[in-house]
Amino acid sequence: MLQTIVKKWFRDKNSGFLDNGDGPDIMVTKSDLVNCEFLKVGVMVEFECHSDKRGLIAKKVKLLQQNKSYGQHNKGNSNAKKFRPGVMT
């Protein structure tokens, strides 16, 4: 299983893209999500990567447990809203 972060998610299209470093982005659709209904940009996921005529496709995409320190780029700013990774239901 591979791991990466969500690069884009289009809720109106029920699909998005996972980061693939310097390579082409990996497409993901809602039908391939295992433990959630949609993804948020910046969260970490685990998945299987397959190739088809459209390019790289993520299958069996699972939202990973997020580290509590993840996303604390507002450290020191007590008025900043805390970043809460994951999905909304």
C-alpha atoms as a PDB file:
ATOM      1  CA  MET A   1       0.000   0.000   0.000  1.00  0.00           C
ATOM      2  CA  LEU A   2       1.198   3.496  -0.846  1.00  0.00           C
ATOM      3  CA  GLN A   3       0.737   6.673   1.200  1.00  0.00           C
ATOM      4  CA  THR A   4       0.461  10.301   0.126  1.00  0.00           C
ATOM      5  CA  ILE A   5      -1.553  13.452   0.731  1.00  0.00           C
ATOM      6  CA  VAL A   6      -4.719  14.639  -0.967  1.00  0.00           C
ATOM      7  CA  LYS A   7      -3.819  17.370  -3.447  1.00  0.00           C
ATOM      8  CA  LYS A   8      -7.324  18.314  -4.677  1.00  0.00           C
ATOM      9  CA  TRP A   9     -10.898  17.224  -3.991  1.00  0.00           C
ATOM     10  CA  PHE A  10     -13.922  18.337  -6.003  1.00  0.00           C
ATOM     11  CA  ARG A  11     -16.937  17.595  -3.853  1.00  0.00           C
ATOM     12  CA  ASP A  12     -19.364  18.441  -6.661  1.00  0.00           C
ATOM     13  CA  LYS A  13     -17.629  15.842  -8.892  1.00  0.00           C
ATOM     14  CA  ASN A  14     -17.025  13.265  -6.125  1.00  0.00           C
ATOM     15  CA  SER A  15     -13.413  12.953  -7.235  1.00  0.00           C
ATOM     16  CA  GLY A  16      -9.994  14.450  -6.806  1.00  0.00           C
ATOM     17  CA  PHE A  17      -6.265  13.924  -7.062  1.00  0.00           C
ATOM     18  CA  LEU A  18      -3.529  12.581  -4.837  1.00  0.00           C
ATOM     19  CA  ASP A  19      -0.012  14.017  -4.814  1.00  0.00           C
ATOM     20  CA  ASN A  20       2.549  11.997  -6.744  1.00  0.00           C
ATOM     21  CA  GLY A  21       5.691  14.052  -6.226  1.00  0.00           C
ATOM     22  CA  ASP A  22       7.203  14.945  -9.603  1.00  0.00           C
ATOM     23  CA  GLY A  23       5.010  12.427 -11.462  1.00  0.00           C
ATOM     24  CA  PRO A  24       1.459  12.803 -12.751  1.00  0.00           C
ATOM     25  CA  ASP A  25      -1.249  13.206 -10.096  1.00  0.00           C
ATOM     26  CA  ILE A  26      -3.197  10.099  -9.129  1.00  0.00           C
ATOM     27  CA  MET A  27      -6.964  10.264  -9.727  1.00  0.00           C
ATOM     28  CA  VAL A  28      -9.314   9.159  -6.951  1.00  0.00           C
ATOM     29  CA  THR A  29     -13.108   8.834  -7.003  1.00  0.00           C
ATOM     30  CA  LYS A  30     -15.660   8.571  -4.204  1.00  0.00           C
ATOM     31  CA  SER A  31     -16.446   4.976  -5.207  1.00  0.00           C
ATOM     32  CA  ASP A  32     -12.869   3.999  -4.287  1.00  0.00           C
ATOM     33  CA  LEU A  33     -12.974   5.520  -0.768  1.00  0.00           C
ATOM     34  CA  VAL A  34     -13.087   2.892   1.982  1.00  0.00           C
ATOM     35  CA  ASN A  35     -13.660   4.604   5.340  1.00  0.00           C
ATOM     36  CA  CYS A  36     -15.002   8.032   4.371  1.00  0.00           C
ATOM     37  CA  GLU A  37     -17.416   9.863   2.068  1.00  0.00           C
ATOM     38  CA  PHE A  38     -14.986  12.474   0.712  1.00  0.00           C
ATOM     39  CA  LEU A  39     -11.477  13.792   1.271  1.00  0.00           C
ATOM     40  CA  LYS A  40     -10.010  17.075   2.439  1.00  0.00           C
ATOM     41  CA  VAL A  41      -6.938  18.625   0.873  1.00  0.00           C
ATOM     42  CA  GLY A  42      -3.809  17.920   2.909  1.00  0.00           C
ATOM     43  CA  VAL A  43      -4.909  14.742   4.695  1.00  0.00           C
ATOM     44  CA  MET A  44      -2.841  11.565   4.453  1.00  0.00           C
ATOM     45  CA  VAL A  45      -4.297   8.519   2.717  1.00  0.00           C
ATOM     46  CA  GLU A  46      -3.229   4.953   2.012  1.00  0.00           C
ATOM     47  CA  PHE A  47      -4.142   3.376  -1.331  1.00  0.00           C
ATOM     48  CA  GLU A  48      -3.381   0.942  -4.128  1.00  0.00           C
ATOM     49  CA  CYS A  49      -2.224   2.487  -7.401  1.00  0.00           C
ATOM     50  CA  HIS A  50      -3.402   1.145 -10.764  1.00  0.00           C
ATOM     51  CA  SER A  51      -2.907   2.324 -14.315  1.00  0.00           C
ATOM     52  CA  ASP A  52      -5.547   2.523 -17.033  1.00  0.00           C
ATOM     53  CA  LYS A  53      -6.197   4.544 -20.194  1.00  0.00           C
ATOM     54  CA  ARG A  54      -6.907   7.672 -18.088  1.00  0.00           C
ATOM     55  CA  GLY A  55      -3.606   7.453 -16.218  1.00  0.00           C
ATOM     56  CA  LEU A  56      -2.896   6.547 -12.594  1.00  0.00           C
ATOM     57  CA  ILE A  57      -5.941   5.592 -10.522  1.00  0.00           C
ATOM     58  CA  ALA A  58      -6.122   5.141  -6.736  1.00  0.00           C
ATOM     59  CA  LYS A  59      -8.130   2.159  -5.449  1.00  0.00           C
ATOM     60  CA  LYS A  60      -9.064   1.116  -1.883  1.00  0.00           C
ATOM     61  CA  VAL A  61      -8.284   4.608  -0.571  1.00  0.00           C
ATOM     62  CA  LYS A  62      -8.255   4.777   3.237  1.00  0.00           C
ATOM     63  CA  LEU A  63      -8.004   7.885   5.370  1.00  0.00           C
ATOM     64  CA  LEU A  64      -5.087   7.460   7.781  1.00  0.00           C
ATOM     65  CA  GLN A  65      -5.071   8.447  11.429  1.00  0.00           C
ATOM     66  CA  GLN A  66      -3.749  11.979  11.519  1.00  0.00           C
ATOM     67  CA  ASN A  67      -0.879  13.000  13.806  1.00  0.00           C
ATOM     68  CA  LYS A  68      -1.980  15.650  16.321  1.00  0.00           C
ATOM     69  CA  SER A  69       0.926  17.890  15.343  1.00  0.00           C
ATOM     70  CA  TYR A  70      -0.048  17.655  11.659  1.00  0.00           C
ATOM     71  CA  GLY A  71      -0.975  20.989  10.175  1.00  0.00           C
ATOM     72  CA  GLN A  72       0.030  23.155  13.114  1.00  0.00           C
ATOM     73  CA  HIS A  73       1.440  25.836  10.862  1.00  0.00           C
ATOM     74  CA  ASN A  74      -0.346  28.438  13.000  1.00  0.00           C
ATOM     75  CA  LYS A  75       1.740  27.545  16.048  1.00  0.00           C
ATOM     76  CA  GLY A  76       2.057  30.523  18.354  1.00  0.00           C
ATOM     77  CA  ASN A  77      -1.116  32.190  17.083  1.00  0.00           C
ATOM     78  CA  SER A  78      -3.667  31.409  19.790  1.00  0.00           C
ATOM     79  CA  ASN A  79      -6.474  33.118  17.831  1.00  0.00           C
ATOM     80  CA  ALA A  80      -6.016  30.872  14.807  1.00  0.00           C
ATOM     81  CA  LYS A  81      -8.605  28.175  14.248  1.00  0.00           C
ATOM     82  CA  LYS A  82      -7.110  24.724  14.825  1.00  0.00           C
ATOM     83  CA  PHE A  83      -6.626  22.605  11.720  1.00  0.00           C
ATOM     84  CA  ARG A  84      -8.724  19.456  11.972  1.00  0.00           C
ATOM     85  CA  PRO A  85      -7.841  16.979   9.207  1.00  0.00           C
ATOM     86  CA  GLY A  86     -10.269  14.325   8.120  1.00  0.00           C
ATOM     87  CA  VAL A  87     -13.682  14.200   6.588  1.00  0.00           C
ATOM     88  CA  MET A  88     -16.903  15.948   7.365  1.00  0.00           C
ATOM     89  CA  THR A  89     -20.123  13.971   7.518  1.00  0.00           C
END
